[in-house]
Amino acid sequence: PAYISDRDGDSHYDLLSAFQKSIRGSDVNAALYYLGMLIH
C-alpha cells in the first residue's frame, strides 16, 4: 500500500501513541489495526 510513515517524523510517533492509547482504552480492534500499521 502507498502508506508512508517517516520513522523519524510525527506520523510514526502518532502510530505508536495511538497503539498504546488503544490498548489502554481496551479497544482490541483499534490496537490490532495500529499494530498492523507498525508491522508494515
PDB file of all heavy atoms in Angstrom:
ATOM      1  N   PRO A   1       0.822  -1.209   0.000  1.00  0.00           N
ATOM      2  CA  PRO A   1       0.000   0.000   0.000  1.00  0.00           C
ATOM      3  C   PRO A   1       0.854   1.257   0.000  1.00  0.00           C
ATOM      4  O   PRO A   1       1.941   1.259   0.569  1.00  0.00           O
ATOM      5  CB  PRO A   1      -0.804  -0.085   1.305  1.00  0.00           C
ATOM      6  CG  PRO A   1      -0.542  -1.414   1.877  1.00  0.00           C
ATOM      7  CD  PRO A   1       0.655  -2.003   1.210  1.00  0.00           C
ATOM      8  N   ALA A   2       0.357   2.296  -0.626  1.00  0.00           N
ATOM      9  CA  ALA A   2       1.105   3.552  -0.684  1.00  0.00           C
ATOM     10  C   ALA A   2       0.922   4.335   0.601  1.00  0.00           C
ATOM     11  O   ALA A   2       0.502   5.476   0.617  1.00  0.00           O
ATOM     12  CB  ALA A   2       0.646   4.392  -1.867  1.00  0.00           C
ATOM     13  N   TYR A   3       1.243   3.640   1.729  1.00  0.00           N
ATOM     14  CA  TYR A   3       1.192   4.300   3.039  1.00  0.00           C
ATOM     15  C   TYR A   3       2.607   4.615   3.465  1.00  0.00           C
ATOM     16  O   TYR A   3       3.472   3.750   3.458  1.00  0.00           O
ATOM     17  CB  TYR A   3       0.534   3.401   4.094  1.00  0.00           C
ATOM     18  CG  TYR A   3       0.841   3.866   5.490  1.00  0.00           C
ATOM     19  CD1 TYR A   3       0.230   5.003   5.994  1.00  0.00           C
ATOM     20  CD2 TYR A   3       1.795   3.212   6.261  1.00  0.00           C
ATOM     21  CE1 TYR A   3       0.551   5.471   7.248  1.00  0.00           C
ATOM     22  CE2 TYR A   3       2.123   3.673   7.512  1.00  0.00           C
ATOM     23  CZ  TYR A   3       1.495   4.801   8.000  1.00  0.00           C
ATOM     24  OH  TYR A   3       1.832   5.266   9.245  1.00  0.00           O
ATOM     25  N   ILE A   4       2.844   5.824   3.819  1.00  0.00           N
ATOM     26  CA  ILE A   4       4.194   6.236   4.188  1.00  0.00           C
ATOM     27  C   ILE A   4       4.213   6.718   5.624  1.00  0.00           C
ATOM     28  O   ILE A   4       3.418   7.548   6.034  1.00  0.00           O
ATOM     29  CB  ILE A   4       4.683   7.380   3.278  1.00  0.00           C
ATOM     30  CG1 ILE A   4       4.584   6.964   1.811  1.00  0.00           C
ATOM     31  CG2 ILE A   4       6.103   7.778   3.630  1.00  0.00           C
ATOM     32  CD1 ILE A   4       5.358   5.727   1.450  1.00  0.00           C
ATOM     33  N   SER A   5       5.133   6.146   6.400  1.00  0.00           N
ATOM     34  CA  SER A   5       5.338   6.605   7.770  1.00  0.00           C
ATOM     35  C   SER A   5       6.811   6.900   7.961  1.00  0.00           C
ATOM     36  O   SER A   5       7.637   5.998   7.872  1.00  0.00           O
ATOM     37  CB  SER A   5       4.891   5.532   8.769  1.00  0.00           C
ATOM     38  OG  SER A   5       5.274   5.892  10.077  1.00  0.00           O
ATOM     39  N   ASP A   6       7.131   8.140   8.182  1.00  0.00           N
ATOM     40  CA  ASP A   6       8.513   8.534   8.415  1.00  0.00           C
ATOM     41  C   ASP A   6       8.889   8.144   9.833  1.00  0.00           C
ATOM     42  O   ASP A   6       8.355   8.688  10.793  1.00  0.00           O
ATOM     43  CB  ASP A   6       8.651  10.052   8.218  1.00  0.00           C
ATOM     44  CG  ASP A   6      10.058  10.544   8.501  1.00  0.00           C
ATOM     45  OD1 ASP A   6      10.928   9.708   8.815  1.00  0.00           O
ATOM     46  OD2 ASP A   6      10.267  11.763   8.408  1.00  0.00           O
ATOM     47  N   ARG A   7       9.822   7.199   9.966  1.00  0.00           N
ATOM     48  CA  ARG A   7      10.131   6.689  11.303  1.00  0.00           C
ATOM     49  C   ARG A   7      10.732   7.740  12.214  1.00  0.00           C
ATOM     50  O   ARG A   7      10.743   7.570  13.433  1.00  0.00           O
ATOM     51  CB  ARG A   7      11.086   5.489  11.192  1.00  0.00           C
ATOM     52  CG  ARG A   7      10.428   4.294  10.547  1.00  0.00           C
ATOM     53  CD  ARG A   7      11.385   3.136  10.478  1.00  0.00           C
ATOM     54  NE  ARG A   7      10.819   2.058   9.690  1.00  0.00           N
ATOM     55  CZ  ARG A   7      11.460   0.957   9.386  1.00  0.00           C
ATOM     56  NH1 ARG A   7      12.681   0.780   9.796  1.00  0.00           N
ATOM     57  NH2 ARG A   7      10.883   0.027   8.653  1.00  0.00           N
ATOM     58  N   ASP A   8      11.268   8.784  11.660  1.00  0.00           N
ATOM     59  CA  ASP A   8      11.811   9.844  12.488  1.00  0.00           C
ATOM     60  C   ASP A   8      10.852  11.031  12.562  1.00  0.00           C
ATOM     61  O   ASP A   8      11.189  12.067  13.120  1.00  0.00           O
ATOM     62  CB  ASP A   8      13.160  10.332  11.940  1.00  0.00           C
ATOM     63  CG  ASP A   8      14.257   9.326  12.201  1.00  0.00           C
ATOM     64  OD1 ASP A   8      14.081   8.523  13.135  1.00  0.00           O
ATOM     65  OD2 ASP A   8      15.262   9.342  11.485  1.00  0.00           O
ATOM     66  N   GLY A   9       9.666  10.887  11.992  1.00  0.00           N
ATOM     67  CA  GLY A   9       8.738  12.008  11.938  1.00  0.00           C
ATOM     68  C   GLY A   9       7.515  11.786  12.806  1.00  0.00           C
ATOM     69  O   GLY A   9       7.367  10.785  13.499  1.00  0.00           O
ATOM     70  N   ASP A  10       6.605  12.770  12.753  1.00  0.00           N
ATOM     71  CA  ASP A  10       5.438  12.750  13.624  1.00  0.00           C
ATOM     72  C   ASP A  10       4.514  11.585  13.332  1.00  0.00           C
ATOM     73  O   ASP A  10       3.908  11.021  14.246  1.00  0.00           O
ATOM     74  CB  ASP A  10       4.652  14.059  13.472  1.00  0.00           C
ATOM     75  CG  ASP A  10       5.416  15.253  14.046  1.00  0.00           C
ATOM     76  OD1 ASP A  10       6.321  15.021  14.868  1.00  0.00           O
ATOM     77  OD2 ASP A  10       5.098  16.390  13.661  1.00  0.00           O
ATOM     78  N   SER A  11       4.389  11.186  12.073  1.00  0.00           N
ATOM     79  CA  SER A  11       3.410  10.156  11.733  1.00  0.00           C
ATOM     80  C   SER A  11       3.733   8.832  12.414  1.00  0.00           C
ATOM     81  O   SER A  11       2.832   8.113  12.862  1.00  0.00           O
ATOM     82  CB  SER A  11       3.338   9.968  10.213  1.00  0.00           C
ATOM     83  OG  SER A  11       4.582   9.562   9.693  1.00  0.00           O
ATOM     84  N   HIS A  12       5.009   8.491  12.521  1.00  0.00           N
ATOM     85  CA  HIS A  12       5.389   7.235  13.167  1.00  0.00           C
ATOM     86  C   HIS A  12       5.068   7.283  14.661  1.00  0.00           C
ATOM     87  O   HIS A  12       4.529   6.319  15.221  1.00  0.00           O
ATOM     88  CB  HIS A  12       6.873   6.975  12.947  1.00  0.00           C
ATOM     89  CG  HIS A  12       7.326   5.645  13.467  1.00  0.00           C
ATOM     90  ND1 HIS A  12       6.862   4.453  12.956  1.00  0.00           N
ATOM     91  CD2 HIS A  12       8.185   5.315  14.460  1.00  0.00           C
ATOM     92  CE1 HIS A  12       7.423   3.443  13.604  1.00  0.00           C
ATOM     93  NE2 HIS A  12       8.236   3.944  14.519  1.00  0.00           N
ATOM     94  N   TYR A  13       5.375   8.406  15.295  1.00  0.00           N
ATOM     95  CA  TYR A  13       5.097   8.516  16.730  1.00  0.00           C
ATOM     96  C   TYR A  13       3.601   8.648  16.998  1.00  0.00           C
ATOM     97  O   TYR A  13       3.116   8.231  18.054  1.00  0.00           O
ATOM     98  CB  TYR A  13       5.895   9.681  17.326  1.00  0.00           C
ATOM     99  CG  TYR A  13       7.373   9.389  17.330  1.00  0.00           C
ATOM    100  CD1 TYR A  13       8.218   9.935  16.371  1.00  0.00           C
ATOM    101  CD2 TYR A  13       7.921   8.507  18.257  1.00  0.00           C
ATOM    102  CE1 TYR A  13       9.563   9.615  16.348  1.00  0.00           C
ATOM    103  CE2 TYR A  13       9.267   8.191  18.249  1.00  0.00           C
ATOM    104  CZ  TYR A  13      10.083   8.752  17.294  1.00  0.00           C
ATOM    105  OH  TYR A  13      11.414   8.433  17.267  1.00  0.00           O
ATOM    106  N   ASP A  14       2.871   9.185  16.032  1.00  0.00           N
ATOM    107  CA  ASP A  14       1.404   9.193  16.145  1.00  0.00           C
ATOM    108  C   ASP A  14       0.874   7.770  16.177  1.00  0.00           C
ATOM    109  O   ASP A  14      -0.051   7.446  16.937  1.00  0.00           O
ATOM    110  CB  ASP A  14       0.776   9.949  14.969  1.00  0.00           C
ATOM    111  CG  ASP A  14       0.954  11.457  15.086  1.00  0.00           C
ATOM    112  OD1 ASP A  14       1.311  11.931  16.186  1.00  0.00           O
ATOM    113  OD2 ASP A  14       0.734  12.163  14.075  1.00  0.00           O
ATOM    114  N   LEU A  15       1.446   6.900  15.336  1.00  0.00           N
ATOM    115  CA  LEU A  15       1.039   5.491  15.318  1.00  0.00           C
ATOM    116  C   LEU A  15       1.325   4.817  16.653  1.00  0.00           C
ATOM    117  O   LEU A  15       0.487   4.103  17.198  1.00  0.00           O
ATOM    118  CB  LEU A  15       1.784   4.738  14.215  1.00  0.00           C
ATOM    119  CG  LEU A  15       1.228   4.778  12.799  1.00  0.00           C
ATOM    120  CD1 LEU A  15       2.079   3.890  11.903  1.00  0.00           C
ATOM    121  CD2 LEU A  15      -0.212   4.306  12.769  1.00  0.00           C
ATOM    122  N   LEU A  16       2.534   5.031  17.178  1.00  0.00           N
ATOM    123  CA  LEU A  16       2.893   4.432  18.457  1.00  0.00           C
ATOM    124  C   LEU A  16       1.989   4.932  19.575  1.00  0.00           C
ATOM    125  O   LEU A  16       1.578   4.167  20.455  1.00  0.00           O
ATOM    126  CB  LEU A  16       4.354   4.736  18.787  1.00  0.00           C
ATOM    127  CG  LEU A  16       5.401   3.980  17.961  1.00  0.00           C
ATOM    128  CD1 LEU A  16       6.774   4.588  18.156  1.00  0.00           C
ATOM    129  CD2 LEU A  16       5.416   2.500  18.333  1.00  0.00           C
ATOM    130  N   SER A  17       1.668   6.232  19.532  1.00  0.00           N
ATOM    131  CA  SER A  17       0.777   6.809  20.538  1.00  0.00           C
ATOM    132  C   SER A  17      -0.619   6.207  20.437  1.00  0.00           C
ATOM    133  O   SER A  17      -1.226   5.827  21.455  1.00  0.00           O
ATOM    134  CB  SER A  17       0.713   8.331  20.355  1.00  0.00           C
ATOM    135  OG  SER A  17      -0.205   8.897  21.265  1.00  0.00           O
ATOM    136  N   ALA A  18      -1.132   6.097  19.216  1.00  0.00           N
ATOM    137  CA  ALA A  18      -2.468   5.521  19.018  1.00  0.00           C
ATOM    138  C   ALA A  18      -2.496   4.056  19.432  1.00  0.00           C
ATOM    139  O   ALA A  18      -3.496   3.572  19.994  1.00  0.00           O
ATOM    140  CB  ALA A  18      -2.880   5.670  17.552  1.00  0.00           C
ATOM    141  N   PHE A  19      -1.400   3.353  19.172  1.00  0.00           N
ATOM    142  CA  PHE A  19      -1.269   1.942  19.559  1.00  0.00           C
ATOM    143  C   PHE A  19      -1.410   1.789  21.072  1.00  0.00           C
ATOM    144  O   PHE A  19      -2.221   1.002  21.574  1.00  0.00           O
ATOM    145  CB  PHE A  19       0.093   1.444  19.080  1.00  0.00           C
ATOM    146  CG  PHE A  19       0.410   0.019  19.409  1.00  0.00           C
ATOM    147  CD1 PHE A  19      -0.480  -1.003  19.104  1.00  0.00           C
ATOM    148  CD2 PHE A  19       1.623  -0.303  20.005  1.00  0.00           C
ATOM    149  CE1 PHE A  19      -0.169  -2.331  19.398  1.00  0.00           C
ATOM    150  CE2 PHE A  19       1.941  -1.619  20.295  1.00  0.00           C
ATOM    151  CZ  PHE A  19       1.041  -2.637  19.995  1.00  0.00           C
ATOM    152  N   GLN A  20      -0.639   2.597  21.822  1.00  0.00           N
ATOM    153  CA  GLN A  20      -0.691   2.493  23.287  1.00  0.00           C
ATOM    154  C   GLN A  20      -2.042   2.933  23.838  1.00  0.00           C
ATOM    155  O   GLN A  20      -2.595   2.286  24.727  1.00  0.00           O
ATOM    156  CB  GLN A  20       0.427   3.318  23.925  1.00  0.00           C
ATOM    157  CG  GLN A  20       0.405   3.237  25.457  1.00  0.00           C
ATOM    158  CD  GLN A  20       1.680   3.729  26.088  1.00  0.00           C
ATOM    159  OE1 GLN A  20       2.602   4.167  25.403  1.00  0.00           O
ATOM    160  NE2 GLN A  20       1.762   3.667  27.401  1.00  0.00           N
ATOM    161  N   LYS A  21      -2.575   4.012  23.300  1.00  0.00           N
ATOM    162  CA  LYS A  21      -3.859   4.513  23.809  1.00  0.00           C
ATOM    163  C   LYS A  21      -5.003   3.532  23.532  1.00  0.00           C
ATOM    164  O   LYS A  21      -5.948   3.429  24.321  1.00  0.00           O
ATOM    165  CB  LYS A  21      -4.164   5.890  23.213  1.00  0.00           C
ATOM    166  CG  LYS A  21      -3.273   7.011  23.767  1.00  0.00           C
ATOM    167  CD  LYS A  21      -3.607   8.348  23.133  1.00  0.00           C
ATOM    168  CE  LYS A  21      -2.841   9.486  23.836  1.00  0.00           C
ATOM    169  NZ  LYS A  21      -1.394   9.424  23.592  1.00  0.00           N
ATOM    170  N   SER A  22      -4.918   2.813  22.413  1.00  0.00           N
ATOM    171  CA  SER A  22      -5.953   1.828  22.096  1.00  0.00           C
ATOM    172  C   SER A  22      -5.897   0.643  23.054  1.00  0.00           C
ATOM    173  O   SER A  22      -6.929   0.128  23.490  1.00  0.00           O
ATOM    174  CB  SER A  22      -5.798   1.334  20.656  1.00  0.00           C
ATOM    175  OG  SER A  22      -5.978   2.395  19.740  1.00  0.00           O
ATOM    176  N   ILE A  23      -4.684   0.216  23.397  1.00  0.00           N
ATOM    177  CA  ILE A  23      -4.541  -0.865  24.377  1.00  0.00           C
ATOM    178  C   ILE A  23      -5.014  -0.400  25.743  1.00  0.00           C
ATOM    179  O   ILE A  23      -5.764  -1.083  26.439  1.00  0.00           O
ATOM    180  CB  ILE A  23      -3.079  -1.355  24.427  1.00  0.00           C
ATOM    181  CG1 ILE A  23      -2.724  -2.070  23.120  1.00  0.00           C
ATOM    182  CG2 ILE A  23      -2.847  -2.270  25.633  1.00  0.00           C
ATOM    183  CD1 ILE A  23      -1.290  -2.537  23.029  1.00  0.00           C
ATOM    184  N   ARG A  24      -4.585   0.806  26.129  1.00  0.00           N
ATOM    185  CA  ARG A  24      -5.012   1.369  27.418  1.00  0.00           C
ATOM    186  C   ARG A  24      -6.528   1.496  27.489  1.00  0.00           C
ATOM    187  O   ARG A  24      -7.148   1.275  28.529  1.00  0.00           O
ATOM    188  CB  ARG A  24      -4.350   2.732  27.618  1.00  0.00           C
ATOM    189  CG  ARG A  24      -4.660   3.400  28.949  1.00  0.00           C
ATOM    190  CD  ARG A  24      -4.068   4.806  28.971  1.00  0.00           C
ATOM    191  NE  ARG A  24      -2.614   4.765  28.922  1.00  0.00           N
ATOM    192  CZ  ARG A  24      -1.864   5.709  28.369  1.00  0.00           C
ATOM    193  NH1 ARG A  24      -2.436   6.743  27.757  1.00  0.00           N
ATOM    194  NH2 ARG A  24      -0.558   5.619  28.396  1.00  0.00           N
ATOM    195  N   GLY A  25      -7.137   1.843  26.342  1.00  0.00           N
ATOM    196  CA  GLY A  25      -8.584   2.029  26.294  1.00  0.00           C
ATOM    197  C   GLY A  25      -9.363   0.754  26.024  1.00  0.00           C
ATOM    198  O   GLY A  25     -10.591   0.791  25.839  1.00  0.00           O
ATOM    199  N   SER A  26      -8.663  -0.397  25.968  1.00  0.00           N
ATOM    200  CA  SER A  26      -9.281  -1.723  25.803  1.00  0.00           C
ATOM    201  C   SER A  26     -10.044  -1.877  24.487  1.00  0.00           C
ATOM    202  O   SER A  26     -11.003  -2.640  24.407  1.00  0.00           O
ATOM    203  CB  SER A  26     -10.215  -2.034  26.989  1.00  0.00           C
ATOM    204  OG  SER A  26      -9.501  -1.985  28.211  1.00  0.00           O
ATOM    205  N   ASP A  27      -9.617  -1.158  23.439  1.00  0.00           N
ATOM    206  CA  ASP A  27     -10.216  -1.313  22.113  1.00  0.00           C
ATOM    207  C   ASP A  27      -9.345  -2.269  21.304  1.00  0.00           C
ATOM    208  O   ASP A  27      -8.353  -1.871  20.692  1.00  0.00           O
ATOM    209  CB  ASP A  27     -10.326   0.042  21.416  1.00  0.00           C
ATOM    210  CG  ASP A  27     -11.146  -0.023  20.120  1.00  0.00           C
ATOM    211  OD1 ASP A  27     -11.095  -1.069  19.446  1.00  0.00           O
ATOM    212  OD2 ASP A  27     -11.826   0.962  19.793  1.00  0.00           O
ATOM    213  N   VAL A  28      -9.717  -3.535  21.322  1.00  0.00           N
ATOM    214  CA  VAL A  28      -8.857  -4.563  20.742  1.00  0.00           C
ATOM    215  C   VAL A  28      -8.728  -4.425  19.225  1.00  0.00           C
ATOM    216  O   VAL A  28      -7.662  -4.690  18.648  1.00  0.00           O
ATOM    217  CB  VAL A  28      -9.363  -5.973  21.134  1.00  0.00           C
ATOM    218  CG1 VAL A  28     -10.684  -6.310  20.465  1.00  0.00           C
ATOM    219  CG2 VAL A  28      -8.302  -7.029  20.817  1.00  0.00           C
ATOM    220  N   ASN A  29      -9.792  -4.008  18.544  1.00  0.00           N
ATOM    221  CA  ASN A  29      -9.733  -3.878  17.086  1.00  0.00           C
ATOM    222  C   ASN A  29      -8.816  -2.736  16.671  1.00  0.00           C
ATOM    223  O   ASN A  29      -8.028  -2.862  15.721  1.00  0.00           O
ATOM    224  CB  ASN A  29     -11.136  -3.684  16.514  1.00  0.00           C
ATOM    225  CG  ASN A  29     -12.005  -4.904  16.762  1.00  0.00           C
ATOM    226  OD1 ASN A  29     -11.637  -6.017  16.417  1.00  0.00           O
ATOM    227  ND2 ASN A  29     -13.146  -4.704  17.395  1.00  0.00           N
ATOM    228  N   ALA A  30      -8.904  -1.608  17.387  1.00  0.00           N
ATOM    229  CA  ALA A  30      -8.018  -0.478  17.092  1.00  0.00           C
ATOM    230  C   ALA A  30      -6.568  -0.848  17.396  1.00  0.00           C
ATOM    231  O   ALA A  30      -5.659  -0.524  16.633  1.00  0.00           O
ATOM    232  CB  ALA A  30      -8.438   0.752  17.896  1.00  0.00           C
ATOM    233  N   ALA A  31      -6.347  -1.553  18.526  1.00  0.00           N
ATOM    234  CA  ALA A  31      -4.983  -1.944  18.900  1.00  0.00           C
ATOM    235  C   ALA A  31      -4.368  -2.832  17.825  1.00  0.00           C
ATOM    236  O   ALA A  31      -3.195  -2.662  17.454  1.00  0.00           O
ATOM    237  CB  ALA A  31      -5.003  -2.667  20.245  1.00  0.00           C
ATOM    238  N   LEU A  32      -5.148  -3.776  17.311  1.00  0.00           N
ATOM    239  CA  LEU A  32      -4.637  -4.664  16.257  1.00  0.00           C
ATOM    240  C   LEU A  32      -4.381  -3.905  14.955  1.00  0.00           C
ATOM    241  O   LEU A  32      -3.410  -4.186  14.239  1.00  0.00           O
ATOM    242  CB  LEU A  32      -5.626  -5.805  16.019  1.00  0.00           C
ATOM    243  CG  LEU A  32      -5.668  -6.873  17.109  1.00  0.00           C
ATOM    244  CD1 LEU A  32      -6.850  -7.805  16.893  1.00  0.00           C
ATOM    245  CD2 LEU A  32      -4.363  -7.669  17.144  1.00  0.00           C
ATOM    246  N   TYR A  33      -5.239  -2.937  14.662  1.00  0.00           N
ATOM    247  CA  TYR A  33      -5.052  -2.152  13.442  1.00  0.00           C
ATOM    248  C   TYR A  33      -3.730  -1.383  13.498  1.00  0.00           C
ATOM    249  O   TYR A  33      -2.933  -1.423  12.547  1.00  0.00           O
ATOM    250  CB  TYR A  33      -6.213  -1.168  13.264  1.00  0.00           C
ATOM    251  CG  TYR A  33      -5.967  -0.158  12.166  1.00  0.00           C
ATOM    252  CD1 TYR A  33      -6.051  -0.515  10.820  1.00  0.00           C
ATOM    253  CD2 TYR A  33      -5.616   1.158  12.466  1.00  0.00           C
ATOM    254  CE1 TYR A  33      -5.799   0.406   9.818  1.00  0.00           C
ATOM    255  CE2 TYR A  33      -5.367   2.083  11.469  1.00  0.00           C
ATOM    256  CZ  TYR A  33      -5.461   1.704  10.148  1.00  0.00           C
ATOM    257  OH  TYR A  33      -5.203   2.620   9.163  1.00  0.00           O
ATOM    258  N   TYR A  34      -3.487  -0.693  14.630  1.00  0.00           N
ATOM    259  CA  TYR A  34      -2.248   0.084  14.738  1.00  0.00           C
ATOM    260  C   TYR A  34      -1.039  -0.830  14.827  1.00  0.00           C
ATOM    261  O   TYR A  34       0.048  -0.480  14.343  1.00  0.00           O
ATOM    262  CB  TYR A  34      -2.319   1.048  15.920  1.00  0.00           C
ATOM    263  CG  TYR A  34      -3.329   2.149  15.697  1.00  0.00           C
ATOM    264  CD1 TYR A  34      -4.446   2.285  16.532  1.00  0.00           C
ATOM    265  CD2 TYR A  34      -3.208   3.027  14.631  1.00  0.00           C
ATOM    266  CE1 TYR A  34      -5.384   3.278  16.311  1.00  0.00           C
ATOM    267  CE2 TYR A  34      -4.142   4.018  14.398  1.00  0.00           C
ATOM    268  CZ  TYR A  34      -5.232   4.143  15.237  1.00  0.00           C
ATOM    269  OH  TYR A  34      -6.171   5.118  15.011  1.00  0.00           O
ATOM    270  N   LEU A  35      -1.203  -2.009  15.425  1.00  0.00           N
ATOM    271  CA  LEU A  35      -0.118  -2.990  15.405  1.00  0.00           C
ATOM    272  C   LEU A  35       0.222  -3.355  13.965  1.00  0.00           C
ATOM    273  O   LEU A  35       1.400  -3.420  13.592  1.00  0.00           O
ATOM    274  CB  LEU A  35      -0.517  -4.245  16.184  1.00  0.00           C
ATOM    275  CG  LEU A  35       0.469  -5.416  16.087  1.00  0.00           C
ATOM    276  CD1 LEU A  35       1.809  -5.055  16.717  1.00  0.00           C
ATOM    277  CD2 LEU A  35      -0.119  -6.672  16.735  1.00  0.00           C
ATOM    278  N   GLY A  36      -0.808  -3.590  13.145  1.00  0.00           N
ATOM    279  CA  GLY A  36      -0.576  -3.918  11.741  1.00  0.00           C
ATOM    280  C   GLY A  36       0.163  -2.813  11.007  1.00  0.00           C
ATOM    281  O   GLY A  36       1.069  -3.087  10.202  1.00  0.00           O
ATOM    282  N   MET A  37      -0.191  -1.570  11.283  1.00  0.00           N
ATOM    283  CA  MET A  37       0.497  -0.443  10.644  1.00  0.00           C
ATOM    284  C   MET A  37       1.968  -0.399  11.053  1.00  0.00           C
ATOM    285  O   MET A  37       2.849  -0.145  10.227  1.00  0.00           O
ATOM    286  CB  MET A  37      -0.196   0.867  11.026  1.00  0.00           C
ATOM    287  CG  MET A  37      -1.647   0.968  10.563  1.00  0.00           C
ATOM    288  SD  MET A  37      -1.774   1.217   8.780  1.00  0.00           S
ATOM    289  CE  MET A  37      -1.718   3.006   8.698  1.00  0.00           C
ATOM    290  N   LEU A  38       2.237  -0.673  12.331  1.00  0.00           N
ATOM    291  CA  LEU A  38       3.619  -0.661  12.815  1.00  0.00           C
ATOM    292  C   LEU A  38       4.410  -1.837  12.254  1.00  0.00           C
ATOM    293  O   LEU A  38       5.601  -1.705  11.942  1.00  0.00           O
ATOM    294  CB  LEU A  38       3.631  -0.688  14.348  1.00  0.00           C
ATOM    295  CG  LEU A  38       3.136   0.600  15.015  1.00  0.00           C
ATOM    296  CD1 LEU A  38       2.827   0.364  16.491  1.00  0.00           C
ATOM    297  CD2 LEU A  38       4.159   1.725  14.866  1.00  0.00           C
ATOM    298  N   ILE A  39       3.757  -2.990  12.120  1.00  0.00           N
ATOM    299  CA  ILE A  39       4.419  -4.139  11.486  1.00  0.00           C
ATOM    300  C   ILE A  39       4.775  -3.791  10.046  1.00  0.00           C
ATOM    301  O   ILE A  39       5.869  -4.105   9.560  1.00  0.00           O
ATOM    302  CB  ILE A  39       3.498  -5.380  11.539  1.00  0.00           C
ATOM    303  CG1 ILE A  39       3.404  -5.915  12.975  1.00  0.00           C
ATOM    304  CG2 ILE A  39       4.012  -6.474  10.595  1.00  0.00           C
ATOM    305  CD1 ILE A  39       2.359  -6.998  13.152  1.00  0.00           C
ATOM    306  N   HIS A  40       3.858  -3.131   9.369  1.00  0.00           N
ATOM    307  CA  HIS A  40       4.096  -2.708   7.982  1.00  0.00           C
ATOM    308  C   HIS A  40       5.315  -1.798   7.899  1.00  0.00           C
ATOM    309  O   HIS A  40       6.104  -1.870   6.948  1.00  0.00           O
ATOM    310  CB  HIS A  40       2.856  -1.982   7.452  1.00  0.00           C
ATOM    311  CG  HIS A  40       2.991  -1.498   6.038  1.00  0.00           C
ATOM    312  ND1 HIS A  40       3.527  -0.271   5.730  1.00  0.00           N
ATOM    313  CD2 HIS A  40       2.671  -2.079   4.857  1.00  0.00           C
ATOM    314  CE1 HIS A  40       3.533  -0.117   4.424  1.00  0.00           C
ATOM    315  NE2 HIS A  40       3.022  -1.200   3.876  1.00  0.00           N
TER     316      HIS A  40
END
